[in-house]
Amino acid sequence: MISAKRWSRRGLLAGTAILTAGGTAAKEDRLAEGVVILIDSNEPYVMGHAISYSANLSKHFAERGARLLIEVVANGKGIDVFRADKTPLGEPLATLRQSLSNLTYSMCASSKAIAEAKEQVSIPLIPGAILVPFGIGRVVDLQLKGWAYIHA
């Protein structure tokens, strides 16, 4: 069994090797690779770091001629980042999403349902955010496809 820490490094190394490979065929392959960033905290500085990571990674790889796919997954308490009624980053999230076509915002539907039951409210998502059945499942699915993993 591979530990989570070892798996994260393995995924990062696999993604990096593909993203930095040269040649025409490798350049086309790079378009399918990406980074998944997990937010599982409702601390504004954690949310802010994850969003900064997205912008910086996109710029870093664009400068090298590669288009990196980026998915920010909100899970547990981290769903606040994509809640239209609670996010402290509404404007920066909208601006970043408009400027980066390679960026996806995903919210864990299970965490959303738990929060809705607890708070007795219907949780609105920010524009452009999508629901995935399980946030952590989405992270693992992307890692299994060779995506690098960053925990914000």
Foldseek 3Di string as FASTA:
>chain_A
DADPVRLLVVLVVLLVVLLPDDDDVSQVVLQPEAEEEEEAAPPLVQLVVSLVCVVVVQVVSVVVVHGHAYEYEYAHNRCLCFFPVRHPCQVVVVVSCVVRVRYAYEYAPVNQVVVCVVVVHRTDTRPRYYYDPGRVVVNVVNSVVSYRYHYD
